PDB file of all heavy atoms in Angstrom:
ATOM      1  N   GLY A   1      -4.796 -11.302   2.206  1.00  0.00           N
ATOM      2  CA  GLY A   1      -5.382 -10.848   3.460  1.00  0.00           C
ATOM      3  C   GLY A   1      -5.605  -9.362   3.562  1.00  0.00           C
ATOM      4  O   GLY A   1      -6.096  -8.878   4.591  1.00  0.00           O
ATOM      5  N   TYR A   2      -5.259  -8.600   2.506  1.00  0.00           N
ATOM      6  CA  TYR A   2      -5.430  -7.144   2.515  1.00  0.00           C
ATOM      7  C   TYR A   2      -6.155  -6.699   1.244  1.00  0.00           C
ATOM      8  O   TYR A   2      -6.024  -7.329   0.191  1.00  0.00           O
ATOM      9  CB  TYR A   2      -4.076  -6.432   2.586  1.00  0.00           C
ATOM     10  CG  TYR A   2      -3.422  -6.498   3.944  1.00  0.00           C
ATOM     11  CD1 TYR A   2      -2.698  -7.622   4.330  1.00  0.00           C
ATOM     12  CD2 TYR A   2      -3.536  -5.447   4.848  1.00  0.00           C
ATOM     13  CE1 TYR A   2      -2.100  -7.704   5.577  1.00  0.00           C
ATOM     14  CE2 TYR A   2      -2.937  -5.510   6.100  1.00  0.00           C
ATOM     15  CZ  TYR A   2      -2.221  -6.636   6.454  1.00  0.00           C
ATOM     16  OH  TYR A   2      -1.637  -6.714   7.696  1.00  0.00           O
ATOM     17  N   ALA A   3      -6.897  -5.606   1.367  1.00  0.00           N
ATOM     18  CA  ALA A   3      -7.524  -5.021   0.183  1.00  0.00           C
ATOM     19  C   ALA A   3      -6.443  -4.413  -0.703  1.00  0.00           C
ATOM     20  O   ALA A   3      -5.435  -3.880  -0.215  1.00  0.00           O
ATOM     21  CB  ALA A   3      -8.530  -3.947   0.592  1.00  0.00           C
ATOM     22  N   GLU A   4      -6.640  -4.507  -2.006  1.00  0.00           N
ATOM     23  CA  GLU A   4      -5.676  -3.928  -2.949  1.00  0.00           C
ATOM     24  C   GLU A   4      -5.550  -2.425  -2.724  1.00  0.00           C
ATOM     25  O   GLU A   4      -6.539  -1.719  -2.543  1.00  0.00           O
ATOM     26  CB  GLU A   4      -6.115  -4.203  -4.382  1.00  0.00           C
ATOM     27  CG  GLU A   4      -5.218  -3.580  -5.433  1.00  0.00           C
ATOM     28  CD  GLU A   4      -5.723  -3.819  -6.843  1.00  0.00           C
ATOM     29  OE1 GLU A   4      -5.730  -4.988  -7.277  1.00  0.00           O
ATOM     30  OE2 GLU A   4      -6.135  -2.837  -7.500  1.00  0.00           O
ATOM     31  N   GLY A   5      -4.327  -1.931  -2.742  1.00  0.00           N
ATOM     32  CA  GLY A   5      -4.089  -0.495  -2.607  1.00  0.00           C
ATOM     33  C   GLY A   5      -3.666   0.101  -3.933  1.00  0.00           C
ATOM     34  O   GLY A   5      -2.791  -0.438  -4.615  1.00  0.00           O
ATOM     35  N   ALA A   6      -4.319   1.190  -4.335  1.00  0.00           N
ATOM     36  CA  ALA A   6      -3.980   1.878  -5.586  1.00  0.00           C
ATOM     37  C   ALA A   6      -3.667   3.328  -5.254  1.00  0.00           C
ATOM     38  O   ALA A   6      -4.471   4.024  -4.617  1.00  0.00           O
ATOM     39  CB  ALA A   6      -5.137   1.797  -6.578  1.00  0.00           C
ATOM     40  N   PHE A   7      -2.501   3.798  -5.658  1.00  0.00           N
ATOM     41  CA  PHE A   7      -2.015   5.111  -5.265  1.00  0.00           C
ATOM     42  C   PHE A   7      -1.458   5.869  -6.468  1.00  0.00           C
ATOM     43  O   PHE A   7      -1.020   5.255  -7.452  1.00  0.00           O
ATOM     44  CB  PHE A   7      -0.909   4.998  -4.207  1.00  0.00           C
ATOM     45  CG  PHE A   7      -1.285   4.154  -3.018  1.00  0.00           C
ATOM     46  CD1 PHE A   7      -1.069   2.785  -3.027  1.00  0.00           C
ATOM     47  CD2 PHE A   7      -1.863   4.731  -1.902  1.00  0.00           C
ATOM     48  CE1 PHE A   7      -1.417   1.999  -1.941  1.00  0.00           C
ATOM     49  CE2 PHE A   7      -2.219   3.950  -0.813  1.00  0.00           C
ATOM     50  CZ  PHE A   7      -1.996   2.581  -0.830  1.00  0.00           C
ATOM     51  N   LYS A   8      -1.477   7.191  -6.360  1.00  0.00           N
ATOM     52  CA  LYS A   8      -0.815   8.050  -7.332  1.00  0.00           C
ATOM     53  C   LYS A   8       0.272   8.845  -6.616  1.00  0.00           C
ATOM     54  O   LYS A   8       0.050   9.385  -5.535  1.00  0.00           O
ATOM     55  CB  LYS A   8      -1.808   9.004  -7.993  1.00  0.00           C
ATOM     56  CG  LYS A   8      -2.696   8.356  -9.045  1.00  0.00           C
ATOM     57  CD  LYS A   8      -3.538   9.405  -9.768  1.00  0.00           C
ATOM     58  CE  LYS A   8      -4.360   8.759 -10.879  1.00  0.00           C
ATOM     59  NZ  LYS A   8      -5.180   9.777 -11.607  1.00  0.00           N
ATOM     60  N   VAL A   9       1.443   8.907  -7.222  1.00  0.00           N
ATOM     61  CA  VAL A   9       2.575   9.628  -6.644  1.00  0.00           C
ATOM     62  C   VAL A   9       3.174  10.531  -7.703  1.00  0.00           C
ATOM     63  O   VAL A   9       3.382  10.102  -8.845  1.00  0.00           O
ATOM     64  CB  VAL A   9       3.641   8.654  -6.103  1.00  0.00           C
ATOM     65  CG1 VAL A   9       4.835   9.430  -5.550  1.00  0.00           C
ATOM     66  CG2 VAL A   9       3.053   7.753  -5.028  1.00  0.00           C
ATOM     67  N   ARG A  10       3.435  11.781  -7.344  1.00  0.00           N
ATOM     68  CA  ARG A  10       4.104  12.709  -8.258  1.00  0.00           C
ATOM     69  C   ARG A  10       5.558  12.850  -7.840  1.00  0.00           C
ATOM     70  O   ARG A  10       5.862  13.187  -6.694  1.00  0.00           O
ATOM     71  CB  ARG A  10       3.408  14.069  -8.254  1.00  0.00           C
ATOM     72  CG  ARG A  10       4.045  15.070  -9.230  1.00  0.00           C
ATOM     73  CD  ARG A  10       3.167  16.288  -9.413  1.00  0.00           C
ATOM     74  NE  ARG A  10       1.949  15.945 -10.110  1.00  0.00           N
ATOM     75  CZ  ARG A  10       1.864  15.842 -11.428  1.00  0.00           C
ATOM     76  NH1 ARG A  10       2.929  16.018 -12.183  1.00  0.00           N
ATOM     77  NH2 ARG A  10       0.702  15.542 -11.984  1.00  0.00           N
ATOM     78  N   LEU A  11       6.462  12.585  -8.786  1.00  0.00           N
ATOM     79  CA  LEU A  11       7.892  12.606  -8.497  1.00  0.00           C
ATOM     80  C   LEU A  11       8.557  13.824  -9.118  1.00  0.00           C
ATOM     81  O   LEU A  11       8.203  14.228 -10.233  1.00  0.00           O
ATOM     82  CB  LEU A  11       8.549  11.337  -9.043  1.00  0.00           C
ATOM     83  CG  LEU A  11       8.037  10.024  -8.441  1.00  0.00           C
ATOM     84  CD1 LEU A  11       8.593   8.839  -9.214  1.00  0.00           C
ATOM     85  CD2 LEU A  11       8.411   9.931  -6.981  1.00  0.00           C
ATOM     86  N   PRO A  12       9.535  14.411  -8.433  1.00  0.00           N
ATOM     87  CA  PRO A  12      10.269  15.558  -8.961  1.00  0.00           C
ATOM     88  C   PRO A  12      11.298  15.101 -10.003  1.00  0.00           C
ATOM     89  O   PRO A  12      11.531  13.906 -10.174  1.00  0.00           O
ATOM     90  CB  PRO A  12      10.947  16.126  -7.720  1.00  0.00           C
ATOM     91  CG  PRO A  12      11.180  14.928  -6.854  1.00  0.00           C
ATOM     92  CD  PRO A  12       9.985  14.033  -7.075  1.00  0.00           C
ATOM     93  N   PRO A  13      11.951  16.034 -10.694  1.00  0.00           N
ATOM     94  CA  PRO A  13      12.961  15.655 -11.698  1.00  0.00           C
ATOM     95  C   PRO A  13      14.136  14.880 -11.126  1.00  0.00           C
ATOM     96  O   PRO A  13      14.771  14.097 -11.838  1.00  0.00           O
ATOM     97  CB  PRO A  13      13.406  16.998 -12.287  1.00  0.00           C
ATOM     98  CG  PRO A  13      12.262  17.930 -12.031  1.00  0.00           C
ATOM     99  CD  PRO A  13      11.681  17.490 -10.715  1.00  0.00           C
ATOM    100  N   GLU A  14      14.437  15.109  -9.849  1.00  0.00           N
ATOM    101  CA  GLU A  14      15.575  14.401  -9.250  1.00  0.00           C
ATOM    102  C   GLU A  14      15.401  14.370  -7.741  1.00  0.00           C
ATOM    103  O   GLU A  14      14.505  15.003  -7.192  1.00  0.00           O
ATOM    104  CB  GLU A  14      16.892  15.083  -9.612  1.00  0.00           C
ATOM    105  CG  GLU A  14      16.964  16.527  -9.176  1.00  0.00           C
ATOM    106  CD  GLU A  14      18.255  17.200  -9.607  1.00  0.00           C
ATOM    107  OE1 GLU A  14      18.978  16.618 -10.446  1.00  0.00           O
ATOM    108  OE2 GLU A  14      18.537  18.295  -9.094  1.00  0.00           O
ATOM    109  N   GLY A  15      16.264  13.609  -7.064  1.00  0.00           N
ATOM    110  CA  GLY A  15      16.204  13.512  -5.612  1.00  0.00           C
ATOM    111  C   GLY A  15      15.506  12.238  -5.162  1.00  0.00           C
ATOM    112  O   GLY A  15      15.217  11.344  -5.946  1.00  0.00           O
ATOM    113  N   THR A  16      15.220  12.167  -3.857  1.00  0.00           N
ATOM    114  CA  THR A  16      14.599  10.992  -3.256  1.00  0.00           C
ATOM    115  C   THR A  16      13.281  11.377  -2.604  1.00  0.00           C
ATOM    116  O   THR A  16      13.202  12.371  -1.882  1.00  0.00           O
ATOM    117  CB  THR A  16      15.526  10.364  -2.200  1.00  0.00           C
ATOM    118  OG1 THR A  16      16.750   9.952  -2.838  1.00  0.00           O
ATOM    119  CG2 THR A  16      14.874   9.155  -1.542  1.00  0.00           C
ATOM    120  N   VAL A  17      12.250  10.593  -2.866  1.00  0.00           N
ATOM    121  CA  VAL A  17      10.929  10.801  -2.282  1.00  0.00           C
ATOM    122  C   VAL A  17      10.596   9.607  -1.409  1.00  0.00           C
ATOM    123  O   VAL A  17      10.718   8.461  -1.844  1.00  0.00           O
ATOM    124  CB  VAL A  17       9.855  10.965  -3.384  1.00  0.00           C
ATOM    125  CG1 VAL A  17       8.467  11.047  -2.771  1.00  0.00           C
ATOM    126  CG2 VAL A  17      10.142  12.201  -4.218  1.00  0.00           C
ATOM    127  N   GLU A  18      10.204   9.858  -0.160  1.00  0.00           N
ATOM    128  CA  GLU A  18       9.836   8.789   0.752  1.00  0.00           C
ATOM    129  C   GLU A  18       8.325   8.786   0.966  1.00  0.00           C
ATOM    130  O   GLU A  18       7.714   9.837   1.159  1.00  0.00           O
ATOM    131  CB  GLU A  18      10.567   8.948   2.090  1.00  0.00           C
ATOM    132  CG  GLU A  18      12.081   8.812   1.958  1.00  0.00           C
ATOM    133  CD  GLU A  18      12.772   8.745   3.311  1.00  0.00           C
ATOM    134  OE1 GLU A  18      12.058   8.842   4.334  1.00  0.00           O
ATOM    135  OE2 GLU A  18      14.011   8.590   3.325  1.00  0.00           O
ATOM    136  N   ARG A  19       7.727   7.603   0.921  1.00  0.00           N
ATOM    137  CA  ARG A  19       6.281   7.466   1.070  1.00  0.00           C
ATOM    138  C   ARG A  19       5.953   6.234   1.917  1.00  0.00           C
ATOM    139  O   ARG A  19       6.708   5.264   1.947  1.00  0.00           O
ATOM    140  CB  ARG A  19       5.598   7.316  -0.292  1.00  0.00           C
ATOM    141  CG  ARG A  19       5.575   8.584  -1.121  1.00  0.00           C
ATOM    142  CD  ARG A  19       4.602   9.606  -0.558  1.00  0.00           C
ATOM    143  NE  ARG A  19       4.468  10.759  -1.421  1.00  0.00           N
ATOM    144  CZ  ARG A  19       5.245  11.833  -1.369  1.00  0.00           C
ATOM    145  NH1 ARG A  19       6.231  11.864  -0.470  1.00  0.00           N
ATOM    146  NH2 ARG A  19       5.058  12.842  -2.178  1.00  0.00           N
ATOM    147  N   ILE A  20       4.802   6.302   2.588  1.00  0.00           N
ATOM    148  CA  ILE A  20       4.241   5.150   3.284  1.00  0.00           C
ATOM    149  C   ILE A  20       2.933   4.798   2.591  1.00  0.00           C
ATOM    150  O   ILE A  20       2.073   5.656   2.396  1.00  0.00           O
ATOM    151  CB  ILE A  20       3.990   5.454   4.772  1.00  0.00           C
ATOM    152  CG1 ILE A  20       5.322   5.661   5.500  1.00  0.00           C
ATOM    153  CG2 ILE A  20       3.195   4.328   5.434  1.00  0.00           C
ATOM    154  CD1 ILE A  20       5.169   6.023   6.959  1.00  0.00           C
ATOM    155  N   PHE A  21       2.782   3.532   2.214  1.00  0.00           N
ATOM    156  CA  PHE A  21       1.569   3.066   1.553  1.00  0.00           C
ATOM    157  C   PHE A  21       0.834   2.114   2.495  1.00  0.00           C
ATOM    158  O   PHE A  21       1.296   0.994   2.733  1.00  0.00           O
ATOM    159  CB  PHE A  21       1.896   2.362   0.237  1.00  0.00           C
ATOM    160  CG  PHE A  21       2.543   3.260  -0.775  1.00  0.00           C
ATOM    161  CD1 PHE A  21       3.834   3.006  -1.223  1.00  0.00           C
ATOM    162  CD2 PHE A  21       1.877   4.362  -1.283  1.00  0.00           C
ATOM    163  CE1 PHE A  21       4.436   3.831  -2.155  1.00  0.00           C
ATOM    164  CE2 PHE A  21       2.478   5.200  -2.220  1.00  0.00           C
ATOM    165  CZ  PHE A  21       3.759   4.929  -2.655  1.00  0.00           C
ATOM    166  N   PRO A  22      -0.306   2.523   3.057  1.00  0.00           N
ATOM    167  CA  PRO A  22      -1.055   1.663   3.982  1.00  0.00           C
ATOM    168  C   PRO A  22      -2.070   0.795   3.254  1.00  0.00           C
ATOM    169  O   PRO A  22      -2.747   1.234   2.327  1.00  0.00           O
ATOM    170  CB  PRO A  22      -1.758   2.680   4.886  1.00  0.00           C
ATOM    171  CG  PRO A  22      -1.981   3.862   3.995  1.00  0.00           C
ATOM    172  CD  PRO A  22      -0.857   3.885   2.990  1.00  0.00           C
ATOM    173  N   LEU A  23      -2.194  -0.456   3.680  1.00  0.00           N
ATOM    174  CA  LEU A  23      -3.188  -1.375   3.150  1.00  0.00           C
ATOM    175  C   LEU A  23      -4.176  -1.742   4.245  1.00  0.00           C
ATOM    176  O   LEU A  23      -3.810  -1.855   5.417  1.00  0.00           O
ATOM    177  CB  LEU A  23      -2.529  -2.646   2.607  1.00  0.00           C
ATOM    178  CG  LEU A  23      -1.522  -2.485   1.458  1.00  0.00           C
ATOM    179  CD1 LEU A  23      -1.051  -3.861   1.001  1.00  0.00           C
ATOM    180  CD2 LEU A  23      -2.111  -1.701   0.298  1.00  0.00           C
ATOM    181  N   ASP A  24      -5.442  -1.949   3.869  1.00  0.00           N
ATOM    182  CA  ASP A  24      -6.499  -2.278   4.818  1.00  0.00           C
ATOM    183  C   ASP A  24      -6.642  -3.791   4.950  1.00  0.00           C
ATOM    184  O   ASP A  24      -6.843  -4.499   3.955  1.00  0.00           O
ATOM    185  CB  ASP A  24      -7.837  -1.680   4.370  1.00  0.00           C
ATOM    186  CG  ASP A  24      -7.793  -0.158   4.322  1.00  0.00           C
ATOM    187  OD1 ASP A  24      -6.965   0.424   5.047  1.00  0.00           O
ATOM    188  OD2 ASP A  24      -8.586   0.437   3.568  1.00  0.00           O
ATOM    189  N   PHE A  25      -6.555  -4.270   6.175  1.00  0.00           N
ATOM    190  CA  PHE A  25      -6.652  -5.702   6.442  1.00  0.00           C
ATOM    191  C   PHE A  25      -8.081  -6.194   6.218  1.00  0.00           C
ATOM    192  O   PHE A  25      -9.043  -5.552   6.649  1.00  0.00           O
ATOM    193  CB  PHE A  25      -6.233  -5.989   7.881  1.00  0.00           C
ATOM    194  CG  PHE A  25      -6.174  -7.451   8.225  1.00  0.00           C
ATOM    195  CD1 PHE A  25      -5.055  -8.196   7.926  1.00  0.00           C
ATOM    196  CD2 PHE A  25      -7.246  -8.075   8.852  1.00  0.00           C
ATOM    197  CE1 PHE A  25      -4.990  -9.544   8.242  1.00  0.00           C
ATOM    198  CE2 PHE A  25      -7.195  -9.426   9.167  1.00  0.00           C
ATOM    199  CZ  PHE A  25      -6.071 -10.163   8.863  1.00  0.00           C
ATOM    200  N   THR A  26      -8.240  -7.349   5.554  1.00  0.00           N
ATOM    201  CA  THR A  26      -9.551  -7.959   5.360  1.00  0.00           C
ATOM    202  C   THR A  26      -9.608  -9.359   5.956  1.00  0.00           C
ATOM    203  O   THR A  26     -10.678  -9.833   6.320  1.00  0.00           O
ATOM    204  CB  THR A  26      -9.891  -8.068   3.861  1.00  0.00           C
ATOM    205  OG1 THR A  26      -8.949  -8.941   3.221  1.00  0.00           O
ATOM    206  CG2 THR A  26      -9.848  -6.697   3.193  1.00  0.00           C
ATOM    207  N   GLY A  27      -8.465 -10.027   6.037  1.00  0.00           N
ATOM    208  CA  GLY A  27      -8.440 -11.398   6.519  1.00  0.00           C
ATOM    209  C   GLY A  27      -8.904 -12.412   5.496  1.00  0.00           C
ATOM    210  O   GLY A  27      -8.944 -13.609   5.773  1.00  0.00           O
ATOM    211  N   TYR A  28      -9.220 -11.938   4.293  1.00  0.00           N
ATOM    212  CA  TYR A  28      -9.780 -12.820   3.267  1.00  0.00           C
ATOM    213  C   TYR A  28      -8.783 -13.908   2.885  1.00  0.00           C
ATOM    214  O   TYR A  28      -7.614 -13.640   2.606  1.00  0.00           O
ATOM    215  CB  TYR A  28     -10.154 -11.999   2.042  1.00  0.00           C
ATOM    216  CG  TYR A  28     -10.912 -12.761   0.985  1.00  0.00           C
ATOM    217  CD1 TYR A  28     -12.184 -13.257   1.255  1.00  0.00           C
ATOM    218  CD2 TYR A  28     -10.364 -12.998  -0.261  1.00  0.00           C
ATOM    219  CE1 TYR A  28     -12.883 -13.968   0.302  1.00  0.00           C
ATOM    220  CE2 TYR A  28     -11.061 -13.699  -1.231  1.00  0.00           C
ATOM    221  CZ  TYR A  28     -12.323 -14.187  -0.938  1.00  0.00           C
ATOM    222  OH  TYR A  28     -13.016 -14.899  -1.896  1.00  0.00           O
ATOM    223  N   ASN A  29      -9.249 -15.161   2.919  1.00  0.00           N
ATOM    224  CA  ASN A  29      -8.452 -16.341   2.573  1.00  0.00           C
ATOM    225  C   ASN A  29      -7.311 -16.613   3.551  1.00  0.00           C
ATOM    226  O   ASN A  29      -6.403 -17.385   3.235  1.00  0.00           O
ATOM    227  CB  ASN A  29      -7.884 -16.234   1.150  1.00  0.00           C
ATOM    228  CG  ASN A  29      -8.938 -16.536   0.100  1.00  0.00           C
ATOM    229  OD1 ASN A  29      -9.960 -17.146   0.388  1.00  0.00           O
ATOM    230  ND2 ASN A  29      -8.695 -16.099  -1.119  1.00  0.00           N
ATOM    231  N   LEU A  30      -7.352 -15.989   4.715  1.00  0.00           N
ATOM    232  CA  LEU A  30      -6.348 -16.287   5.738  1.00  0.00           C
ATOM    233  C   LEU A  30      -6.934 -17.263   6.756  1.00  0.00           C
ATOM    234  O   LEU A  30      -8.153 -17.309   6.966  1.00  0.00           O
ATOM    235  CB  LEU A  30      -5.913 -15.005   6.439  1.00  0.00           C
ATOM    236  CG  LEU A  30      -5.080 -14.012   5.632  1.00  0.00           C
ATOM    237  CD1 LEU A  30      -4.736 -12.799   6.484  1.00  0.00           C
ATOM    238  CD2 LEU A  30      -3.811 -14.656   5.095  1.00  0.00           C
ATOM    239  N   PRO A  31      -6.100 -18.056   7.435  1.00  0.00           N
ATOM    240  CA  PRO A  31      -6.601 -18.976   8.452  1.00  0.00           C
ATOM    241  C   PRO A  31      -7.336 -18.233   9.565  1.00  0.00           C
ATOM    242  O   PRO A  31      -7.009 -17.089   9.897  1.00  0.00           O
ATOM    243  CB  PRO A  31      -5.320 -19.647   8.976  1.00  0.00           C
ATOM    244  CG  PRO A  31      -4.315 -19.476   7.882  1.00  0.00           C
ATOM    245  CD  PRO A  31      -4.646 -18.170   7.229  1.00  0.00           C
ATOM    246  N   GLU A  32      -8.321 -18.891  10.173  1.00  0.00           N
ATOM    247  CA  GLU A  32      -9.142 -18.268  11.209  1.00  0.00           C
ATOM    248  C   GLU A  32      -8.295 -17.816  12.397  1.00  0.00           C
ATOM    249  O   GLU A  32      -8.566 -16.785  13.012  1.00  0.00           O
ATOM    250  CB  GLU A  32     -10.217 -19.248  11.674  1.00  0.00           C
ATOM    251  CG  GLU A  32     -11.172 -18.667  12.707  1.00  0.00           C
ATOM    252  CD  GLU A  32     -11.942 -17.462  12.205  1.00  0.00           C
ATOM    253  OE1 GLU A  32     -12.217 -17.398  10.985  1.00  0.00           O
ATOM    254  OE2 GLU A  32     -12.249 -16.582  13.036  1.00  0.00           O
ATOM    255  N   GLU A  33      -7.240 -18.577  12.719  1.00  0.00           N
ATOM    256  CA  GLU A  33      -6.414 -18.195  13.868  1.00  0.00           C
ATOM    257  C   GLU A  33      -5.669 -16.889  13.620  1.00  0.00           C
ATOM    258  O   GLU A  33      -5.389 -16.132  14.549  1.00  0.00           O
ATOM    259  CB  GLU A  33      -5.432 -19.304  14.232  1.00  0.00           C
ATOM    260  CG  GLU A  33      -4.516 -19.741  13.103  1.00  0.00           C
ATOM    261  CD  GLU A  33      -5.069 -20.909  12.315  1.00  0.00           C
ATOM    262  OE1 GLU A  33      -6.291 -21.102  12.323  1.00  0.00           O
ATOM    263  OE2 GLU A  33      -4.250 -21.641  11.714  1.00  0.00           O
TER     264      GLU A  33
END
């Protein structure tokens, strides 16, 4: 039901990186309701 998302992320040598990855809704192959 969503378009494929392709992303590039650069990570540092250490630590924690937080990211949000958004996908675009298409409704493809989902029920009409």
